[in-house]
PDB file of all heavy atoms in Angstrom:
ATOM      1  N   LEU A   1     148.444 219.253 247.645  1.00  0.00           N
ATOM      2  CA  LEU A   1     147.686 220.375 247.106  1.00  0.00           C
ATOM      3  C   LEU A   1     147.956 220.550 245.616  1.00  0.00           C
ATOM      4  O   LEU A   1     147.027 220.751 244.825  1.00  0.00           O
ATOM      5  CB  LEU A   1     148.037 221.660 247.860  1.00  0.00           C
ATOM      6  CG  LEU A   1     147.443 221.809 249.260  1.00  0.00           C
ATOM      7  CD1 LEU A   1     148.155 222.929 250.015  1.00  0.00           C
ATOM      8  CD2 LEU A   1     145.941 222.094 249.191  1.00  0.00           C
ATOM      9  N   ILE A   2     149.215 220.468 245.216  1.00  0.00           N
ATOM     10  CA  ILE A   2     149.560 220.606 243.801  1.00  0.00           C
ATOM     11  C   ILE A   2     148.918 219.487 242.987  1.00  0.00           C
ATOM     12  O   ILE A   2     148.388 219.715 241.895  1.00  0.00           O
ATOM     13  CB  ILE A   2     151.092 220.597 243.612  1.00  0.00           C
ATOM     14  CG1 ILE A   2     151.733 221.810 244.295  1.00  0.00           C
ATOM     15  CG2 ILE A   2     151.441 220.577 242.126  1.00  0.00           C
ATOM     16  CD1 ILE A   2     151.229 223.147 243.797  1.00  0.00           C
ATOM     17  N   ALA A   3     148.932 218.278 243.529  1.00  0.00           N
ATOM     18  CA  ALA A   3     148.303 217.147 242.842  1.00  0.00           C
ATOM     19  C   ALA A   3     146.806 217.387 242.678  1.00  0.00           C
ATOM     20  O   ALA A   3     146.215 217.058 241.636  1.00  0.00           O
ATOM     21  CB  ALA A   3     148.547 215.861 243.621  1.00  0.00           C
ATOM     22  N   ALA A   4     146.175 217.980 243.693  1.00  0.00           N
ATOM     23  CA  ALA A   4     144.741 218.267 243.628  1.00  0.00           C
ATOM     24  C   ALA A   4     144.446 219.342 242.588  1.00  0.00           C
ATOM     25  O   ALA A   4     143.427 219.288 241.901  1.00  0.00           O
ATOM     26  CB  ALA A   4     144.228 218.697 245.001  1.00  0.00           C
ATOM     27  N   VAL A   5     145.334 220.317 242.482  1.00  0.00           N
ATOM     28  CA  VAL A   5     145.162 221.363 241.465  1.00  0.00           C
ATOM     29  C   VAL A   5     145.225 220.744 240.072  1.00  0.00           C
ATOM     30  O   VAL A   5     144.380 221.007 239.209  1.00  0.00           O
ATOM     31  CB  VAL A   5     146.241 222.460 241.607  1.00  0.00           C
ATOM     32  CG1 VAL A   5     146.160 223.433 240.434  1.00  0.00           C
ATOM     33  CG2 VAL A   5     146.079 223.210 242.925  1.00  0.00           C
ATOM     34  N   LEU A   6     146.219 219.907 239.839  1.00  0.00           N
ATOM     35  CA  LEU A   6     146.370 219.259 238.537  1.00  0.00           C
ATOM     36  C   LEU A   6     145.177 218.357 238.219  1.00  0.00           C
ATOM     37  O   LEU A   6     144.751 218.246 237.063  1.00  0.00           O
ATOM     38  CB  LEU A   6     147.658 218.439 238.510  1.00  0.00           C
ATOM     39  CG  LEU A   6     148.959 219.250 238.479  1.00  0.00           C
ATOM     40  CD1 LEU A   6     150.155 218.344 238.717  1.00  0.00           C
ATOM     41  CD2 LEU A   6     149.102 219.982 237.147  1.00  0.00           C
ATOM     42  N   ALA A   7     144.631 217.728 239.260  1.00  0.00           N
ATOM     43  CA  ALA A   7     143.518 216.790 239.065  1.00  0.00           C
ATOM     44  C   ALA A   7     142.240 217.478 238.615  1.00  0.00           C
ATOM     45  O   ALA A   7     141.337 216.831 238.095  1.00  0.00           O
ATOM     46  CB  ALA A   7     143.264 216.001 240.350  1.00  0.00           C
ATOM     47  N   THR A   8     142.149 218.802 238.811  1.00  0.00           N
ATOM     48  CA  THR A   8     140.929 219.505 238.394  1.00  0.00           C
ATOM     49  C   THR A   8     140.787 219.526 236.871  1.00  0.00           C
ATOM     50  O   THR A   8     139.676 219.643 236.355  1.00  0.00           O
ATOM     51  CB  THR A   8     140.922 220.960 238.890  1.00  0.00           C
ATOM     52  OG1 THR A   8     141.973 221.707 238.259  1.00  0.00           O
ATOM     53  CG2 THR A   8     141.071 221.025 240.410  1.00  0.00           C
ATOM     54  N   ASN A   9     141.918 219.461 236.151  1.00  0.00           N
ATOM     55  CA  ASN A   9     141.884 219.584 234.686  1.00  0.00           C
ATOM     56  C   ASN A   9     141.179 220.864 234.257  1.00  0.00           C
ATOM     57  O   ASN A   9     140.580 220.925 233.180  1.00  0.00           O
ATOM     58  CB  ASN A   9     141.206 218.375 234.035  1.00  0.00           C
ATOM     59  CG  ASN A   9     142.107 217.155 234.029  1.00  0.00           C
ATOM     60  OD1 ASN A   9     143.327 217.275 233.924  1.00  0.00           O
ATOM     61  ND2 ASN A   9     141.523 215.991 234.164  1.00  0.00           N
ATOM     62  N   ASN A  10     141.249 221.878 235.116  1.00  0.00           N
ATOM     63  CA  ASN A  10     140.578 223.145 234.839  1.00  0.00           C
ATOM     64  C   ASN A  10     141.640 224.217 234.605  1.00  0.00           C
ATOM     65  O   ASN A  10     142.413 224.545 235.504  1.00  0.00           O
ATOM     66  CB  ASN A  10     139.672 223.525 236.016  1.00  0.00           C
ATOM     67  CG  ASN A  10     138.871 224.787 235.751  1.00  0.00           C
ATOM     68  OD1 ASN A  10     139.436 225.861 235.615  1.00  0.00           O
ATOM     69  ND2 ASN A  10     137.559 224.646 235.696  1.00  0.00           N
ATOM     70  N   GLU A  11     141.691 224.729 233.383  1.00  0.00           N
ATOM     71  CA  GLU A  11     142.742 225.673 233.019  1.00  0.00           C
ATOM     72  C   GLU A  11     142.742 226.919 233.894  1.00  0.00           C
ATOM     73  O   GLU A  11     143.797 227.436 234.262  1.00  0.00           O
ATOM     74  CB  GLU A  11     142.616 226.043 231.544  1.00  0.00           C
ATOM     75  CG  GLU A  11     142.906 224.874 230.606  1.00  0.00           C
ATOM     76  CD  GLU A  11     142.744 225.249 229.146  1.00  0.00           C
ATOM     77  OE1 GLU A  11     142.547 226.448 228.870  1.00  0.00           O
ATOM     78  OE2 GLU A  11     142.801 224.359 228.295  1.00  0.00           O
ATOM     79  N   ASP A  12     141.565 227.430 234.220  1.00  0.00           N
ATOM     80  CA  ASP A  12     141.475 228.633 235.033  1.00  0.00           C
ATOM     81  C   ASP A  12     142.004 228.373 236.445  1.00  0.00           C
ATOM     82  O   ASP A  12     142.748 229.180 237.000  1.00  0.00           O
ATOM     83  CB  ASP A  12     140.022 229.120 235.094  1.00  0.00           C
ATOM     84  CG  ASP A  12     139.885 230.381 235.933  1.00  0.00           C
ATOM     85  OD1 ASP A  12     140.469 231.407 235.544  1.00  0.00           O
ATOM     86  OD2 ASP A  12     139.217 230.339 236.985  1.00  0.00           O
ATOM     87  N   THR A  13     141.616 227.240 237.041  1.00  0.00           N
ATOM     88  CA  THR A  13     142.081 226.894 238.385  1.00  0.00           C
ATOM     89  C   THR A  13     143.596 226.699 238.399  1.00  0.00           C
ATOM     90  O   THR A  13     144.301 227.207 239.278  1.00  0.00           O
ATOM     91  CB  THR A  13     141.391 225.608 238.881  1.00  0.00           C
ATOM     92  OG1 THR A  13     139.983 225.839 238.972  1.00  0.00           O
ATOM     93  CG2 THR A  13     141.905 225.206 240.258  1.00  0.00           C
ATOM     94  N   ILE A  14     144.106 225.967 237.419  1.00  0.00           N
ATOM     95  CA  ILE A  14     145.552 225.724 237.343  1.00  0.00           C
ATOM     96  C   ILE A  14     146.307 227.040 237.180  1.00  0.00           C
ATOM     97  O   ILE A  14     147.331 227.276 237.832  1.00  0.00           O
ATOM     98  CB  ILE A  14     145.874 224.756 236.189  1.00  0.00           C
ATOM     99  CG1 ILE A  14     145.327 223.354 236.520  1.00  0.00           C
ATOM    100  CG2 ILE A  14     147.378 224.679 235.935  1.00  0.00           C
ATOM    101  CD1 ILE A  14     145.435 222.355 235.387  1.00  0.00           C
ATOM    102  N   ALA A  15     145.799 227.930 236.335  1.00  0.00           N
ATOM    103  CA  ALA A  15     146.460 229.218 236.110  1.00  0.00           C
ATOM    104  C   ALA A  15     146.437 230.074 237.372  1.00  0.00           C
ATOM    105  O   ALA A  15     147.414 230.784 237.678  1.00  0.00           O
ATOM    106  CB  ALA A  15     145.780 229.959 234.958  1.00  0.00           C
ATOM    107  N   THR A  16     145.332 230.013 238.126  1.00  0.00           N
ATOM    108  CA  THR A  16     145.232 230.789 239.360  1.00  0.00           C
ATOM    109  C   THR A  16     146.300 230.372 240.363  1.00  0.00           C
ATOM    110  O   THR A  16     147.000 231.213 240.944  1.00  0.00           O
ATOM    111  CB  THR A  16     143.838 230.610 239.997  1.00  0.00           C
ATOM    112  OG1 THR A  16     142.853 231.172 239.126  1.00  0.00           O
ATOM    113  CG2 THR A  16     143.756 231.313 241.347  1.00  0.00           C
ATOM    114  N   PHE A  17     146.440 229.072 240.560  1.00  0.00           N
ATOM    115  CA  PHE A  17     147.425 228.600 241.532  1.00  0.00           C
ATOM    116  C   PHE A  17     148.852 228.756 241.010  1.00  0.00           C
ATOM    117  O   PHE A  17     149.774 229.013 241.792  1.00  0.00           O
ATOM    118  CB  PHE A  17     147.123 227.154 241.929  1.00  0.00           C
ATOM    119  CG  PHE A  17     145.990 227.028 242.892  1.00  0.00           C
ATOM    120  CD1 PHE A  17     144.708 226.727 242.457  1.00  0.00           C
ATOM    121  CD2 PHE A  17     146.182 227.239 244.249  1.00  0.00           C
ATOM    122  CE1 PHE A  17     143.653 226.636 243.346  1.00  0.00           C
ATOM    123  CE2 PHE A  17     145.138 227.151 245.148  1.00  0.00           C
ATOM    124  CZ  PHE A  17     143.863 226.849 244.701  1.00  0.00           C
ATOM    125  N   ALA A  18     149.052 228.612 239.708  1.00  0.00           N
ATOM    126  CA  ALA A  18     150.383 228.830 239.147  1.00  0.00           C
ATOM    127  C   ALA A  18     150.824 230.270 239.378  1.00  0.00           C
ATOM    128  O   ALA A  18     151.964 230.543 239.791  1.00  0.00           O
ATOM    129  CB  ALA A  18     150.390 228.510 237.654  1.00  0.00           C
ATOM    130  N   GLY A  19     149.902 231.207 239.138  1.00  0.00           N
ATOM    131  CA  GLY A  19     150.216 232.611 239.366  1.00  0.00           C
ATOM    132  C   GLY A  19     150.478 232.913 240.828  1.00  0.00           C
ATOM    133  O   GLY A  19     151.382 233.690 241.174  1.00  0.00           O
ATOM    134  N   HIS A  20     149.700 232.274 241.717  1.00  0.00           N
ATOM    135  CA  HIS A  20     149.874 232.515 243.147  1.00  0.00           C
ATOM    136  C   HIS A  20     151.209 231.966 243.640  1.00  0.00           C
ATOM    137  O   HIS A  20     151.885 232.592 244.468  1.00  0.00           O
ATOM    138  CB  HIS A  20     148.725 231.880 243.927  1.00  0.00           C
ATOM    139  CG  HIS A  20     148.785 232.154 245.392  1.00  0.00           C
ATOM    140  ND1 HIS A  20     148.596 233.410 245.925  1.00  0.00           N
ATOM    141  CD2 HIS A  20     149.041 231.340 246.459  1.00  0.00           C
ATOM    142  CE1 HIS A  20     148.717 233.370 247.237  1.00  0.00           C
ATOM    143  NE2 HIS A  20     149.000 232.119 247.585  1.00  0.00           N
ATOM    144  N   LEU A  21     151.599 230.811 243.134  1.00  0.00           N
ATOM    145  CA  LEU A  21     152.875 230.215 243.548  1.00  0.00           C
ATOM    146  C   LEU A  21     154.052 231.116 243.203  1.00  0.00           C
ATOM    147  O   LEU A  21     155.074 231.122 243.906  1.00  0.00           O
ATOM    148  CB  LEU A  21     153.044 228.841 242.893  1.00  0.00           C
ATOM    149  CG  LEU A  21     152.253 227.697 243.530  1.00  0.00           C
ATOM    150  CD1 LEU A  21     152.227 226.489 242.586  1.00  0.00           C
ATOM    151  CD2 LEU A  21     152.830 227.296 244.876  1.00  0.00           C
ATOM    152  N   LYS A  22     153.923 231.881 242.145  1.00  0.00           N
ATOM    153  CA  LYS A  22     155.003 232.786 241.746  1.00  0.00           C
ATOM    154  C   LYS A  22     155.217 233.897 242.765  1.00  0.00           C
ATOM    155  O   LYS A  22     156.279 234.525 242.791  1.00  0.00           O
ATOM    156  CB  LYS A  22     154.705 233.378 240.371  1.00  0.00           C
ATOM    157  CG  LYS A  22     154.770 232.350 239.247  1.00  0.00           C
ATOM    158  CD  LYS A  22     154.410 232.966 237.911  1.00  0.00           C
ATOM    159  CE  LYS A  22     154.437 231.916 236.801  1.00  0.00           C
ATOM    160  NZ  LYS A  22     154.043 232.490 235.487  1.00  0.00           N
ATOM    161  N   THR A  23     154.214 234.136 243.616  1.00  0.00           N
ATOM    162  CA  THR A  23     154.363 235.171 244.650  1.00  0.00           C
ATOM    163  C   THR A  23     155.012 234.617 245.918  1.00  0.00           C
ATOM    164  O   THR A  23     155.333 235.378 246.825  1.00  0.00           O
ATOM    165  CB  THR A  23     152.983 235.770 245.025  1.00  0.00           C
ATOM    166  OG1 THR A  23     152.198 234.783 245.726  1.00  0.00           O
ATOM    167  CG2 THR A  23     152.228 236.220 243.791  1.00  0.00           C
ATOM    168  N   ILE A  24     155.183 233.298 245.983  1.00  0.00           N
ATOM    169  CA  ILE A  24     155.832 232.661 247.133  1.00  0.00           C
ATOM    170  C   ILE A  24     157.311 232.487 246.781  1.00  0.00           C
ATOM    171  O   ILE A  24     157.662 231.714 245.894  1.00  0.00           O
ATOM    172  CB  ILE A  24     155.201 231.294 247.454  1.00  0.00           C
ATOM    173  CG1 ILE A  24     153.699 231.463 247.731  1.00  0.00           C
ATOM    174  CG2 ILE A  24     155.891 230.653 248.653  1.00  0.00           C
ATOM    175  CD1 ILE A  24     152.971 230.140 247.954  1.00  0.00           C
ATOM    176  N   ASP A  25     158.149 233.207 247.455  1.00  0.00           N
ATOM    177  CA  ASP A  25     159.559 233.300 247.071  1.00  0.00           C
ATOM    178  C   ASP A  25     160.389 232.140 247.610  1.00  0.00           C
ATOM    179  O   ASP A  25     161.237 232.306 248.495  1.00  0.00           O
ATOM    180  CB  ASP A  25     160.141 234.632 247.567  1.00  0.00           C
ATOM    181  CG  ASP A  25     161.523 234.905 246.991  1.00  0.00           C
ATOM    182  OD1 ASP A  25     161.860 234.300 245.965  1.00  0.00           O
ATOM    183  OD2 ASP A  25     162.255 235.734 247.583  1.00  0.00           O
ATOM    184  N   THR A  26     160.118 230.944 247.078  1.00  0.00           N
ATOM    185  CA  THR A  26     160.930 229.783 247.422  1.00  0.00           C
ATOM    186  C   THR A  26     161.225 228.999 246.153  1.00  0.00           C
ATOM    187  O   THR A  26     160.486 229.087 245.166  1.00  0.00           O
ATOM    188  CB  THR A  26     160.229 228.844 248.435  1.00  0.00           C
ATOM    189  OG1 THR A  26     159.090 228.237 247.800  1.00  0.00           O
ATOM    190  CG2 THR A  26     159.790 229.597 249.682  1.00  0.00           C
ATOM    191  N   GLU A  27     162.300 228.229 246.185  1.00  0.00           N
ATOM    192  CA  GLU A  27     162.670 227.432 245.015  1.00  0.00           C
ATOM    193  C   GLU A  27     161.604 226.389 244.699  1.00  0.00           C
ATOM    194  O   GLU A  27     161.269 226.147 243.534  1.00  0.00           O
ATOM    195  CB  GLU A  27     164.011 226.740 245.268  1.00  0.00           C
ATOM    196  CG  GLU A  27     164.539 225.967 244.076  1.00  0.00           C
ATOM    197  CD  GLU A  27     165.904 225.372 244.330  1.00  0.00           C
ATOM    198  OE1 GLU A  27     166.588 225.818 245.283  1.00  0.00           O
ATOM    199  OE2 GLU A  27     166.295 224.449 243.586  1.00  0.00           O
ATOM    200  N   ARG A  28     161.037 225.775 245.738  1.00  0.00           N
ATOM    201  CA  ARG A  28     160.006 224.750 245.539  1.00  0.00           C
ATOM    202  C   ARG A  28     158.762 225.351 244.898  1.00  0.00           C
ATOM    203  O   ARG A  28     158.165 224.755 243.988  1.00  0.00           O
ATOM    204  CB  ARG A  28     159.654 224.095 246.884  1.00  0.00           C
ATOM    205  CG  ARG A  28     158.577 223.010 246.786  1.00  0.00           C
ATOM    206  CD  ARG A  28     158.530 222.172 248.065  1.00  0.00           C
ATOM    207  NE  ARG A  28     158.189 222.981 249.228  1.00  0.00           N
ATOM    208  CZ  ARG A  28     156.934 223.170 249.667  1.00  0.00           C
ATOM    209  NH1 ARG A  28     155.926 222.608 249.021  1.00  0.00           N
ATOM    210  NH2 ARG A  28     156.694 223.902 250.725  1.00  0.00           N
ATOM    211  N   ALA A  29     158.362 226.533 245.375  1.00  0.00           N
ATOM    212  CA  ALA A  29     157.181 227.182 244.805  1.00  0.00           C
ATOM    213  C   ALA A  29     157.408 227.540 243.346  1.00  0.00           C
ATOM    214  O   ALA A  29     156.512 227.385 242.503  1.00  0.00           O
ATOM    215  CB  ALA A  29     156.831 228.429 245.612  1.00  0.00           C
ATOM    216  N   GLY A  30     158.619 227.992 243.020  1.00  0.00           N
ATOM    217  CA  GLY A  30     158.934 228.321 241.636  1.00  0.00           C
ATOM    218  C   GLY A  30     158.846 227.100 240.737  1.00  0.00           C
ATOM    219  O   GLY A  30     158.326 227.171 239.619  1.00  0.00           O
ATOM    220  N   ALA A  31     159.352 225.974 241.251  1.00  0.00           N
ATOM    221  CA  ALA A  31     159.311 224.736 240.468  1.00  0.00           C
ATOM    222  C   ALA A  31     157.878 224.264 240.274  1.00  0.00           C
ATOM    223  O   ALA A  31     157.497 223.810 239.183  1.00  0.00           O
ATOM    224  CB  ALA A  31     160.136 223.665 241.172  1.00  0.00           C
ATOM    225  N   ASP A  32     157.066 224.363 241.332  1.00  0.00           N
ATOM    226  CA  ASP A  32     155.671 223.938 241.219  1.00  0.00           C
ATOM    227  C   ASP A  32     154.878 224.872 240.308  1.00  0.00           C
ATOM    228  O   ASP A  32     153.982 224.429 239.582  1.00  0.00           O
ATOM    229  CB  ASP A  32     155.025 223.879 242.610  1.00  0.00           C
ATOM    230  CG  ASP A  32     155.412 222.619 243.376  1.00  0.00           C
ATOM    231  OD1 ASP A  32     155.762 221.625 242.721  1.00  0.00           O
ATOM    232  OD2 ASP A  32     155.371 222.639 244.621  1.00  0.00           O
TER     233      ASP A  32
END
């Protein structure tokens, strides 16, 4: 999923998922 997000090359899409990952309280999510 993370690879697919990066593959979009779309700043808005990447920012949306980056922000959402910050709400998932795990070390892996923070790193992603």
